């Protein structure tokens, strides 16, 4: 049975609608998790918990990270640099969340995850369409590397079904979430990783269902890897089969103070935007933000060395329909 588009995100134009006009929301305002017709998404590099960071060690930041995640109340959170014990502590602190993902070193628990947290009150993962692939020439081979990256890199994805909400044909509403952490040194790795992720997005089982891509891409907005994902540059002589748009730029096209790597300093807002929540062209972006919360009582330190980025997306009623997307390309 064909699956209809579960959210009518393919509109005639990119829209940011609050009372009919573009509006910026205060970055630290949390999404109301009970708001009807919305899907909240966050990308958050939480800095791996065994790093020798002195006063910024995970044990000093844990409660701030957990509190921020709890306060924001997003439906989905793509984590980067997360070790298994950190994920367990987050889920223990905010028990409405569970996660999908594996460690990059053994395909189980070892090494960093690109885990996806999801709100279990609203969503459940589809186990037949969830997994992790390695960003290499052999994506099914655990711990494989290619393209000049000395560190193993992965992308975790899942199809999530909305609990208690179905389409007119009886199929559950669904959304695909991909989450990745690209290499910090190798430009060829970033570009080819972006191309591999784009092919996997294009080849997902139900191409008429909406998709979001979160991640720390270690690449600024002008880089080839990011331009490729937007459909504005070639990688290996080809354009992306699944062009995306940066939700933040839909909401704030002219913003200049957009740095997302802060080195634990909440006042460090310069530099490039390297963390993203990508959505499909035509997605209705209600709002997007770079979240610059400080840690209360900890000398104003930021919860991580990256600011999380968020997007709030519209989810219209069951009766809304959108045209099916073209057949996917890529291999």
Protein backbone atom coordinates (compact mmCIF):
# COMPACT_ATOMS: atom_id res chain seq x y z
CA UNK A 1 0.00 0.00 0.00
CA UNK A 2 1.54 3.33 -0.95
CA UNK A 3 2.22 5.67 1.92
CA UNK A 4 0.89 9.20 1.53
CA UNK A 5 2.85 12.17 2.73
CA UNK A 6 2.27 12.36 6.45
CA UNK A 7 2.96 16.08 6.82
CA UNK A 8 2.00 18.48 4.08
CA UNK A 9 5.38 20.15 4.07
CA UNK A 10 5.64 20.56 0.31
CA UNK A 11 4.06 23.99 -0.02
CA UNK A 12 4.28 26.49 -2.87
CA UNK A 13 7.01 28.49 -1.15
CA UNK A 14 9.22 28.43 1.91
CA UNK A 15 7.21 29.95 4.71
CA UNK A 16 7.80 31.22 8.20
CA UNK A 17 4.37 32.15 9.46
CA UNK A 18 3.50 33.74 12.76
CA UNK A 19 0.51 36.06 12.48
CA UNK A 20 1.19 36.25 8.76
CA UNK A 21 4.68 37.75 8.87
CA UNK A 22 8.27 36.57 9.36
CA UNK A 23 9.18 36.66 13.03
CA UNK A 24 12.24 35.69 15.04
CA UNK A 25 11.67 33.94 18.36
CA UNK A 26 13.88 34.45 21.38
CA UNK A 27 16.47 31.65 21.05
CA UNK A 28 16.08 30.43 24.62
CA UNK A 29 12.28 30.08 24.42
CA UNK A 30 11.34 26.41 24.72
CA UNK A 31 8.89 24.78 22.36
CA UNK A 32 5.54 23.93 23.91
CA UNK A 33 5.52 20.12 23.57
CA UNK A 34 1.72 20.12 23.73
CA UNK A 35 1.31 22.54 20.81
CA UNK A 36 -0.87 21.01 18.13
CA UNK A 37 0.39 20.76 14.60
CA UNK A 38 4.11 21.10 15.36
CA UNK A 39 7.22 18.96 15.21
CA UNK A 40 10.27 20.13 17.17
CA UNK A 41 13.77 19.08 16.10
CA UNK A 42 17.16 19.76 17.67
CA UNK A 43 20.75 19.05 16.65
CA UNK A 44 23.16 19.03 19.60
CA UNK A 45 26.85 18.14 19.80
CA UNK A 46 27.18 17.46 23.51
CA UNK A 47 30.99 16.95 23.57
CA UNK A 48 32.16 13.48 24.47
CA UNK A 49 32.06 12.77 28.16
CA UNK A 50 35.61 11.48 28.65
CA UNK A 51 37.32 14.55 27.22
CA UNK A 52 39.89 16.18 29.48
CA UNK A 53 37.99 19.46 29.66
CA UNK A 54 38.78 20.48 33.23
CA UNK A 55 35.96 22.71 34.53
CA UNK A 56 33.97 21.87 31.40
CA UNK A 57 34.12 18.12 31.97
CA UNK A 58 30.84 16.26 31.46
CA UNK A 59 30.32 15.81 35.20
CA UNK A 60 30.09 19.60 35.53
CA UNK A 61 27.79 19.98 32.51
CA UNK A 62 25.53 16.94 32.75
CA UNK A 63 22.67 18.58 34.63
CA UNK A 64 22.73 21.59 32.31
CA UNK A 65 22.52 19.40 29.21
CA UNK A 66 19.73 17.30 30.70
CA UNK A 67 17.87 20.41 31.82
CA UNK A 68 18.16 22.07 28.44
CA UNK A 69 16.83 18.97 26.65
CA UNK A 70 13.99 18.64 29.14
CA UNK A 71 13.10 22.33 28.94
CA UNK A 72 13.12 22.47 25.14
CA UNK A 73 10.82 19.47 24.81
CA UNK A 74 11.65 18.67 21.17
CA UNK A 75 10.20 15.63 19.41
CA UNK A 76 13.59 14.59 18.03
CA UNK A 77 17.15 15.38 19.07
CA UNK A 78 20.12 14.40 16.94
CA UNK A 79 23.09 14.01 19.28
CA UNK A 80 26.72 14.10 18.19
CA UNK A 81 29.79 13.03 20.19
CA UNK A 82 27.53 11.15 22.57
CA UNK A 83 29.01 8.19 24.43
CA UNK A 84 26.69 5.46 25.66
CA UNK A 85 26.91 6.48 29.32
CA UNK A 86 26.00 10.07 28.41
CA UNK A 87 22.95 8.92 26.47
CA UNK A 88 21.90 6.71 29.37
CA UNK A 89 22.21 9.63 31.79
CA UNK A 90 20.17 11.91 29.53
CA UNK A 91 17.42 9.32 29.12
CA UNK A 92 17.45 8.65 32.86
CA UNK A 93 17.11 12.38 33.52
CA UNK A 94 14.37 12.87 30.92
CA UNK A 95 12.62 9.48 30.85
CA UNK A 96 10.09 10.39 28.18
CA UNK A 97 12.95 10.02 25.68
CA UNK A 98 14.41 6.85 24.21
CA UNK A 99 17.02 6.60 21.46
CA UNK A 100 18.07 4.80 18.32
CA UNK A 101 21.71 4.39 17.35
CA UNK A 102 24.91 2.42 17.90
CA UNK A 103 28.51 3.15 18.77
CA UNK A 104 30.70 3.78 15.77
CA UNK A 105 33.57 1.55 16.90
CA UNK A 106 31.75 -1.78 17.16
CA UNK A 107 28.20 -1.21 15.93
CA UNK A 108 26.98 -1.73 19.49
CA UNK A 109 28.08 0.35 22.48
CA UNK A 110 31.71 1.34 21.84
CA UNK A 111 32.72 4.77 20.66
CA UNK A 112 30.71 7.84 19.84
CA UNK A 113 27.08 7.65 18.76
CA UNK A 114 25.13 9.80 16.33
CA UNK A 115 22.05 8.87 18.32
CA UNK A 116 18.54 10.15 17.74
CA UNK A 117 16.49 10.83 20.86
CA UNK A 118 12.73 10.69 20.35
CA UNK A 119 9.74 11.53 22.52
CA UNK A 120 8.13 8.19 23.32
CA UNK A 121 4.84 9.89 24.17
CA UNK A 122 4.40 10.90 20.54
CA UNK A 123 6.58 8.68 18.34
CA UNK A 124 7.79 5.13 17.87
CA UNK A 125 10.60 3.99 15.55
CA UNK A 126 9.92 1.64 12.67
CA UNK A 127 12.52 -1.12 13.23
CA UNK A 128 12.38 -2.23 9.60
CA UNK A 129 13.54 1.20 8.49
CA UNK A 130 16.10 2.21 11.09
CA UNK A 131 19.84 1.76 11.27
CA UNK A 132 23.35 3.17 11.09
CA UNK A 133 25.75 3.31 8.16
CA UNK A 134 29.43 4.17 8.14
CA UNK A 135 30.56 7.15 6.10
CA UNK A 136 32.95 5.29 3.86
CA UNK A 137 33.17 3.36 0.60
CA UNK A 138 31.86 0.35 2.56
CA UNK A 139 28.97 1.82 4.59
CA UNK A 140 27.80 -1.56 5.90
CA UNK A 141 31.23 -2.40 7.34
CA UNK A 142 31.48 -1.51 11.02
CA UNK A 143 34.23 0.99 11.87
CA UNK A 144 35.20 1.47 8.22
CA UNK A 145 36.83 4.71 7.06
CA UNK A 146 37.60 6.22 3.66
CA UNK A 147 38.27 9.54 1.96
CA UNK A 148 41.05 10.71 4.29
CA UNK A 149 39.22 10.80 7.60
CA UNK A 150 41.30 9.27 10.35
CA UNK A 151 38.29 9.09 12.67
CA UNK A 152 35.36 6.76 12.05
CA UNK A 153 32.20 8.65 11.06
CA UNK A 154 28.60 7.43 10.98
CA UNK A 155 25.04 8.43 10.19
CA UNK A 156 22.09 7.04 12.11
CA UNK A 157 18.57 7.18 10.68
CA UNK A 158 15.08 6.03 11.54
CA UNK A 159 11.54 6.24 10.27
CA UNK A 160 9.29 7.33 13.14
CA UNK A 161 5.53 6.78 13.26
CA UNK A 162 3.27 9.20 15.07
CA UNK A 163 1.46 7.39 17.89
CA UNK A 164 -2.32 7.51 17.55
CA UNK A 165 -2.41 9.47 14.30
CA UNK A 166 -3.17 7.90 10.95
CA UNK A 167 -3.69 9.04 7.41
CA UNK A 168 -6.86 8.58 5.42
CA UNK A 169 -5.63 5.23 4.08
CA UNK A 170 -5.09 3.92 7.61
CA UNK A 171 -1.30 4.12 7.50
CA UNK A 172 0.40 5.91 10.42
CA UNK A 173 1.80 9.37 9.96
CA UNK A 174 5.56 9.17 9.74
CA UNK A 175 8.77 11.16 9.43
CA UNK A 176 12.36 10.13 8.64
CA UNK A 177 15.22 11.53 10.73
CA UNK A 178 18.88 11.27 9.72
CA UNK A 179 21.66 12.40 12.06
CA UNK A 180 25.38 12.62 11.29
CA UNK A 181 28.73 13.99 12.44
CA UNK A 182 31.11 14.71 9.56
CA UNK A 183 34.88 14.74 9.74
CA UNK A 184 36.64 17.78 11.18
CA UNK A 185 39.78 17.59 9.01
CA UNK A 186 39.17 15.95 5.64
CA UNK A 187 37.28 18.05 3.10
CA UNK A 188 36.98 15.08 0.68
CA UNK A 189 35.45 13.07 3.52
CA UNK A 190 32.90 15.79 4.26
CA UNK A 191 31.91 16.04 0.62
CA UNK A 192 31.63 12.31 -0.03
CA UNK A 193 29.86 11.79 3.29
CA UNK A 194 27.29 14.40 2.28
CA UNK A 195 26.84 12.61 -1.06
CA UNK A 196 26.34 9.23 0.63
CA UNK A 197 23.81 10.65 3.08
CA UNK A 198 21.93 12.34 0.24
CA UNK A 199 21.71 9.05 -1.68
CA UNK A 200 20.37 7.27 1.39
CA UNK A 201 17.78 10.01 1.88
CA UNK A 202 16.72 9.78 -1.76
CA UNK A 203 16.52 5.98 -1.60
CA UNK A 204 14.44 5.73 1.58
CA UNK A 205 11.61 3.24 1.32
CA UNK A 206 8.80 5.81 1.24
CA UNK A 207 10.08 8.87 -0.65
CA UNK A 208 6.80 10.74 -0.27
CA UNK A 209 7.27 10.96 3.51
CA UNK A 210 9.04 14.00 4.97
CA UNK A 211 12.66 13.90 6.09
CA UNK A 212 14.93 15.98 8.28
CA UNK A 213 18.72 15.81 8.51
CA UNK A 214 20.47 16.96 11.68
CA UNK A 215 24.15 17.10 12.39
CA UNK A 216 27.47 18.68 13.17
CA UNK A 217 28.87 18.94 9.65
CA UNK A 218 32.13 20.67 10.58
CA UNK A 219 31.51 22.82 7.52
CA UNK A 220 30.39 26.40 7.11
CA UNK A 221 27.51 27.53 4.96
CA UNK A 222 29.79 28.39 2.01
CA UNK A 223 31.53 25.01 1.97
CA UNK A 224 31.10 22.59 -0.91
CA UNK A 225 29.60 19.93 1.36
CA UNK A 226 26.82 22.23 2.57
CA UNK A 227 26.27 23.76 -0.87
CA UNK A 228 25.96 20.21 -2.23
CA UNK A 229 23.25 19.36 0.29
CA UNK A 230 21.39 22.49 -0.80
CA UNK A 231 21.65 21.41 -4.45
CA UNK A 232 24.03 24.26 -5.32
CA UNK A 233 27.32 22.40 -5.92
CA UNK A 234 28.61 19.14 -7.37
CA UNK A 235 30.43 16.33 -5.60
CA UNK A 236 32.28 13.95 -7.91
CA UNK A 237 30.63 15.65 -10.85
CA UNK A 238 27.03 15.22 -9.71
CA UNK A 239 24.36 17.18 -7.88
CA UNK A 240 22.46 15.83 -4.91
CA UNK A 241 19.45 13.57 -5.64
CA UNK A 242 17.73 14.99 -2.54
CA UNK A 243 18.18 18.77 -2.20
CA UNK A 244 17.53 20.21 1.25
CA UNK A 245 17.31 23.64 2.87
CA UNK A 246 18.69 24.89 6.17
CA UNK A 247 15.69 25.53 8.43
CA UNK A 248 17.57 28.32 10.22
CA UNK A 249 18.02 30.22 6.95
CA UNK A 250 14.35 29.80 6.14
CA UNK A 251 13.52 31.54 9.41
CA UNK A 252 16.47 33.97 9.48
CA UNK A 253 17.80 34.53 5.97
CA UNK A 254 19.78 37.65 6.86
CA UNK A 255 21.24 36.67 10.24
CA UNK A 256 24.99 37.22 10.53
CA UNK A 257 25.72 36.30 14.16
CA UNK A 258 25.42 32.57 13.52
CA UNK A 259 28.47 30.76 14.91
CA UNK A 260 27.57 27.44 16.52
CA UNK A 261 30.96 26.35 17.88
CA UNK A 262 31.46 28.29 21.10
CA UNK A 263 34.21 26.47 23.00
CA UNK A 264 31.98 26.48 26.12
CA UNK A 265 31.69 30.29 26.05
CA UNK A 266 28.07 31.41 25.55
CA UNK A 267 29.30 34.83 24.41
CA UNK A 268 31.38 33.34 21.60
CA UNK A 269 28.89 33.70 18.75
CA UNK A 270 31.31 34.44 15.92
CA UNK A 271 32.61 32.03 13.33
CA UNK A 272 30.75 29.76 10.98
CA UNK A 273 27.47 27.99 11.39
CA UNK A 274 28.48 24.31 11.32
CA UNK A 275 25.45 22.69 13.00
CA UNK A 276 22.23 22.26 11.05
CA UNK A 277 18.66 21.06 10.88
CA UNK A 278 17.99 20.50 7.18
CA UNK A 279 14.48 20.03 5.80
CA UNK A 280 12.96 19.49 2.39
CA UNK A 281 12.30 22.44 0.07
CA UNK A 282 8.83 23.75 0.79
CA UNK A 283 8.81 22.67 4.43
CA UNK A 284 6.79 25.02 6.60
CA UNK A 285 9.29 26.27 9.17
CA UNK A 286 7.49 28.00 12.01
CA UNK A 287 10.70 28.98 13.75
CA UNK A 288 14.37 28.10 14.14
CA UNK A 289 17.01 29.12 16.65
CA UNK A 290 20.59 28.83 17.84
CA UNK A 291 20.16 28.12 21.56
CA UNK A 292 22.68 30.02 23.67
CA UNK A 293 21.79 29.04 27.20
CA UNK A 294 24.42 29.35 29.93
CA UNK A 295 24.84 26.92 32.80
CA UNK A 296 23.25 28.41 35.94
CA UNK A 297 25.76 28.79 38.75
CA UNK A 298 28.72 27.57 36.70
CA UNK A 299 30.39 30.87 35.84
CA UNK A 300 28.20 31.31 32.80
CA UNK A 301 29.60 28.33 30.93
CA UNK A 302 27.67 26.92 27.99
CA UNK A 303 26.38 23.34 28.35
CA UNK A 304 28.66 22.18 25.51
CA UNK A 305 31.32 23.50 23.15
CA UNK A 306 28.60 23.69 20.48
CA UNK A 307 25.34 25.58 20.66
CA UNK A 308 22.35 23.38 19.85
CA UNK A 309 20.24 24.42 16.89
CA UNK A 310 16.50 23.88 16.69
CA UNK A 311 13.64 24.00 14.23
CA UNK A 312 9.91 24.03 14.74
CA UNK A 313 8.02 22.60 11.76
CA UNK A 314 4.35 22.69 10.87
CA UNK A 315 2.38 19.45 10.80
CA UNK A 316 -1.02 20.06 9.19
CA UNK A 317 -4.14 17.98 9.67
CA UNK A 318 -4.79 14.50 8.30
CA UNK A 319 -6.90 15.92 5.49
CA UNK A 320 -4.06 18.00 4.05
CA UNK A 321 -2.33 16.35 1.12
CA UNK A 322 0.78 17.16 -0.85
CA UNK A 323 1.99 15.93 -4.22
CA UNK A 324 4.22 12.88 -4.24
CA UNK A 325 7.91 13.54 -4.77
CA UNK A 326 9.66 12.20 -7.90
CA UNK A 327 11.18 8.74 -7.85
CA UNK A 328 14.53 8.79 -6.01
CA UNK A 329 17.81 8.78 -7.84
CA UNK A 330 21.17 7.52 -6.72
CA UNK A 331 22.53 4.11 -5.82
